Structures are given as C-alpha cells and as structure tokens.
Amino acid sequence: MPDQTIPAVPADPPSPGPLSGAGSPRKYVENKPPRGLYVRVFIYVIATHVLLAMMSLVVIAANSR
C-alpha cells in the first residue's frame, strides 16, 4: 500500500450560500400572523355572539312563562 504524502483536499470548497457576494444573508422575520389565526378569531367571536343571543332568548322565554 503506497504512503499518502499529499493531504486529502476536497475538489471544490462548499459554497457559502445562494448569495455568495452579497455579504451575510438576511434573516427572515415574519411580521404578520398567519391567516388562519384571523379565521379562528372570527369564528370564535361569531360563535360567542350566537351563544349569548341564544342564552338571552332562553332567559326571555323562561321569564315570560
């Protein structure tokens, strides 16, 4: 088996990323909440109003008897 006198070096160094000449890449920061959050809050608000309206009708019906 021959002795290895030259150290093993990778053929091409790993690239730093897609923006090689632009310095450090920007960090992604999400400023808006996901759309599903708005939908869930809307459903909860509507459901709460409907529940309160039904309870009010039950109280009015109970008081009228």
C-alpha atoms as a PDB file:
ATOM      1  CA  MET A   1       0.000   0.000   0.000  1.00  0.00           C
ATOM      2  CA  PRO A   2       1.591   3.335  -1.006  1.00  0.00           C
ATOM      3  CA  ASP A   3       2.124   6.074   1.539  1.00  0.00           C
ATOM      4  CA  GLN A   4      -0.053   9.159   1.150  1.00  0.00           C
ATOM      5  CA  THR A   5       2.191  12.219   1.063  1.00  0.00           C
ATOM      6  CA  ILE A   6      -0.357  14.763  -0.191  1.00  0.00           C
ATOM      7  CA  PRO A   7      -3.175  15.625   2.228  1.00  0.00           C
ATOM      8  CA  ALA A   8      -6.706  14.966   1.003  1.00  0.00           C
ATOM      9  CA  VAL A   9      -8.366  18.240  -0.020  1.00  0.00           C
ATOM     10  CA  PRO A  10     -11.918  18.447  -1.336  1.00  0.00           C
ATOM     11  CA  ALA A  11     -12.148  19.221  -5.047  1.00  0.00           C
ATOM     12  CA  ASP A  12     -14.250  22.356  -4.619  1.00  0.00           C
ATOM     13  CA  PRO A  13     -14.907  24.140  -1.318  1.00  0.00           C
ATOM     14  CA  PRO A  14     -18.511  24.365  -0.138  1.00  0.00           C
ATOM     15  CA  SER A  15     -20.289  27.496  -1.302  1.00  0.00           C
ATOM     16  CA  PRO A  16     -21.430  29.893   1.461  1.00  0.00           C
ATOM     17  CA  GLY A  17     -24.985  30.025   0.108  1.00  0.00           C
ATOM     18  CA  PRO A  18     -27.086  31.359  -2.732  1.00  0.00           C
ATOM     19  CA  LEU A  19     -25.871  34.936  -2.178  1.00  0.00           C
ATOM     20  CA  SER A  20     -22.129  34.434  -2.333  1.00  0.00           C
ATOM     21  CA  GLY A  21     -21.144  38.055  -2.994  1.00  0.00           C
ATOM     22  CA  ALA A  22     -23.846  39.883  -1.057  1.00  0.00           C
ATOM     23  CA  GLY A  23     -22.384  39.507   2.429  1.00  0.00           C
ATOM     24  CA  SER A  24     -24.467  37.957   5.169  1.00  0.00           C
ATOM     25  CA  PRO A  25     -27.930  36.786   4.090  1.00  0.00           C
ATOM     26  CA  ARG A  26     -30.972  38.483   5.578  1.00  0.00           C
ATOM     27  CA  LYS A  27     -32.752  36.736   8.400  1.00  0.00           C
ATOM     28  CA  TYR A  28     -36.398  36.026   7.590  1.00  0.00           C
ATOM     29  CA  VAL A  29     -38.747  37.658  10.088  1.00  0.00           C
ATOM     30  CA  GLU A  30     -42.482  37.119   9.783  1.00  0.00           C
ATOM     31  CA  ASN A  31     -44.261  40.356  10.666  1.00  0.00           C
ATOM     32  CA  LYS A  32     -47.828  39.204  10.041  1.00  0.00           C
ATOM     33  CA  PRO A  33     -49.647  36.432  11.901  1.00  0.00           C
ATOM     34  CA  PRO A  34     -50.860  33.541   9.764  1.00  0.00           C
ATOM     35  CA  ARG A  35     -54.188  33.980   8.021  1.00  0.00           C
ATOM     36  CA  GLY A  36     -55.698  31.005   9.846  1.00  0.00           C
ATOM     37  CA  LEU A  37     -55.427  32.937  13.096  1.00  0.00           C
ATOM     38  CA  TYR A  38     -57.801  35.613  11.789  1.00  0.00           C
ATOM     39  CA  VAL A  39     -60.262  32.957  10.640  1.00  0.00           C
ATOM     40  CA  ARG A  40     -60.244  31.231  14.041  1.00  0.00           C
ATOM     41  CA  VAL A  41     -60.722  34.503  15.936  1.00  0.00           C
ATOM     42  CA  PHE A  42     -63.596  35.455  13.605  1.00  0.00           C
ATOM     43  CA  ILE A  43     -65.302  32.082  14.180  1.00  0.00           C
ATOM     44  CA  TYR A  44     -64.854  32.351  17.962  1.00  0.00           C
ATOM     45  CA  VAL A  45     -66.330  35.863  18.023  1.00  0.00           C
ATOM     46  CA  ILE A  46     -69.348  34.849  15.905  1.00  0.00           C
ATOM     47  CA  ALA A  47     -69.887  31.686  17.965  1.00  0.00           C
ATOM     48  CA  THR A  48     -69.751  33.676  21.205  1.00  0.00           C
ATOM     49  CA  HIS A  49     -72.301  36.205  19.934  1.00  0.00           C
ATOM     50  CA  VAL A  50     -74.626  33.436  18.765  1.00  0.00           C
ATOM     51  CA  LEU A  51     -74.322  31.655  22.122  1.00  0.00           C
ATOM     52  CA  LEU A  52     -75.086  34.854  24.039  1.00  0.00           C
ATOM     53  CA  ALA A  53     -78.089  35.569  21.800  1.00  0.00           C
ATOM     54  CA  MET A  54     -79.470  32.049  22.345  1.00  0.00           C
ATOM     55  CA  MET A  55     -78.985  32.357  26.116  1.00  0.00           C
ATOM     56  CA  SER A  56     -80.808  35.682  26.070  1.00  0.00           C
ATOM     57  CA  LEU A  57     -83.709  34.092  24.182  1.00  0.00           C
ATOM     58  CA  VAL A  58     -83.847  31.271  26.734  1.00  0.00           C
ATOM     59  CA  VAL A  59     -83.930  33.769  29.612  1.00  0.00           C
ATOM     60  CA  ILE A  60     -86.672  35.814  27.903  1.00  0.00           C
ATOM     61  CA  ALA A  61     -88.712  32.646  27.239  1.00  0.00           C
ATOM     62  CA  ALA A  62     -88.272  31.497  30.849  1.00  0.00           C
ATOM     63  CA  ASN A  63     -89.351  34.883  32.245  1.00  0.00           C
ATOM     64  CA  SER A  64     -92.444  35.073  30.025  1.00  0.00           C
ATOM     65  CA  ARG A  65     -93.952  31.862  31.475  1.00  0.00           C
END
